[in-house]
């Protein structure tokens, strides 16, 4: 059986510190956290998934997070 874990995500939005609490069964990836933060801070979530054959230097999700002002994302397990 899986155990529910509690995580604290500390980050900056446009230079201001903020945090988000997550309850997950598996360790969240940085991309999953970026998506949650974009959803929290963006009125209209516009997301494009990169095609497997595209050779981008940065993923679309990473670029959108930068455009929204998200930075210094740190995920830590609580308790």
Protein backbone atom coordinates (compact mmCIF):
# COMPACT_ATOMS: atom_id res chain seq x y z
CA UNK A 1 0.00 0.00 0.00
CA UNK A 2 1.23 3.51 -0.76
CA UNK A 3 1.83 6.08 1.93
CA UNK A 4 0.74 9.69 1.50
CA UNK A 5 3.73 12.02 1.87
CA UNK A 6 3.74 15.74 2.59
CA UNK A 7 6.00 18.11 0.67
CA UNK A 8 6.83 21.78 0.98
CA UNK A 9 7.75 23.64 -2.20
CA UNK A 10 9.62 26.90 -1.67
CA UNK A 11 10.06 29.15 -4.69
CA UNK A 12 10.12 32.73 -5.89
CA UNK A 13 7.48 34.38 -8.06
CA UNK A 14 8.71 37.59 -9.67
CA UNK A 15 11.40 37.79 -6.99
CA UNK A 16 9.03 37.38 -4.02
CA UNK A 17 9.24 34.25 -1.82
CA UNK A 18 6.23 31.95 -1.75
CA UNK A 19 5.47 28.33 -0.88
CA UNK A 20 3.10 25.52 -1.75
CA UNK A 21 2.17 22.42 0.23
CA UNK A 22 1.70 19.16 -1.63
CA UNK A 23 0.31 15.79 -0.54
CA UNK A 24 1.53 13.07 -2.90
CA UNK A 25 1.96 9.31 -2.96
CA UNK A 26 5.15 9.54 -5.05
CA UNK A 27 7.97 12.07 -5.09
CA UNK A 28 6.89 14.95 -7.35
CA UNK A 29 9.16 15.77 -10.27
CA UNK A 30 10.33 19.30 -10.97
CA UNK A 31 8.11 19.38 -14.09
CA UNK A 32 5.05 18.34 -12.05
CA UNK A 33 5.77 21.09 -9.54
CA UNK A 34 6.31 23.67 -12.30
CA UNK A 35 2.94 22.73 -13.79
CA UNK A 36 1.20 23.10 -10.39
CA UNK A 37 2.86 26.48 -9.80
CA UNK A 38 1.91 27.72 -13.25
CA UNK A 39 -1.65 26.63 -12.60
CA UNK A 40 -1.62 28.51 -9.28
CA UNK A 41 -0.14 31.75 -10.64
CA UNK A 42 -1.45 32.00 -14.19
CA UNK A 43 -4.96 33.16 -14.97
CA UNK A 44 -5.00 31.41 -18.33
CA UNK A 45 -2.80 28.35 -18.42
CA UNK A 46 -1.25 28.04 -21.88
CA UNK A 47 0.88 24.97 -22.18
CA UNK A 48 2.45 23.27 -25.13
CA UNK A 49 4.08 19.88 -24.90
CA UNK A 50 7.25 19.42 -26.89
CA UNK A 51 7.10 16.77 -29.58
CA UNK A 52 9.54 13.87 -29.05
CA UNK A 53 11.40 14.73 -32.26
CA UNK A 54 11.98 18.39 -31.35
CA UNK A 55 15.50 19.29 -30.30
CA UNK A 56 14.85 22.21 -27.95
CA UNK A 57 17.50 23.58 -25.64
CA UNK A 58 14.81 24.10 -22.98
CA UNK A 59 11.42 22.48 -22.56
CA UNK A 60 8.24 24.48 -23.15
CA UNK A 61 7.29 23.99 -19.51
CA UNK A 62 10.61 25.43 -18.35
CA UNK A 63 10.24 28.43 -20.69
CA UNK A 64 6.66 29.10 -19.49
CA UNK A 65 7.82 28.98 -15.86
CA UNK A 66 10.51 31.57 -16.63
CA UNK A 67 8.01 33.78 -18.45
CA UNK A 68 5.69 33.64 -15.42
CA UNK A 69 8.54 34.67 -13.10
CA UNK A 70 8.99 31.34 -11.29
CA UNK A 71 12.48 30.66 -9.97
CA UNK A 72 14.48 29.01 -7.18
CA UNK A 73 12.11 26.04 -6.85
CA UNK A 74 13.05 23.73 -3.97
CA UNK A 75 11.05 20.62 -3.03
CA UNK A 76 11.45 19.06 0.40
CA UNK A 77 9.80 16.16 2.15
CA UNK A 78 8.17 17.07 5.46
CA UNK A 79 8.12 14.88 8.54
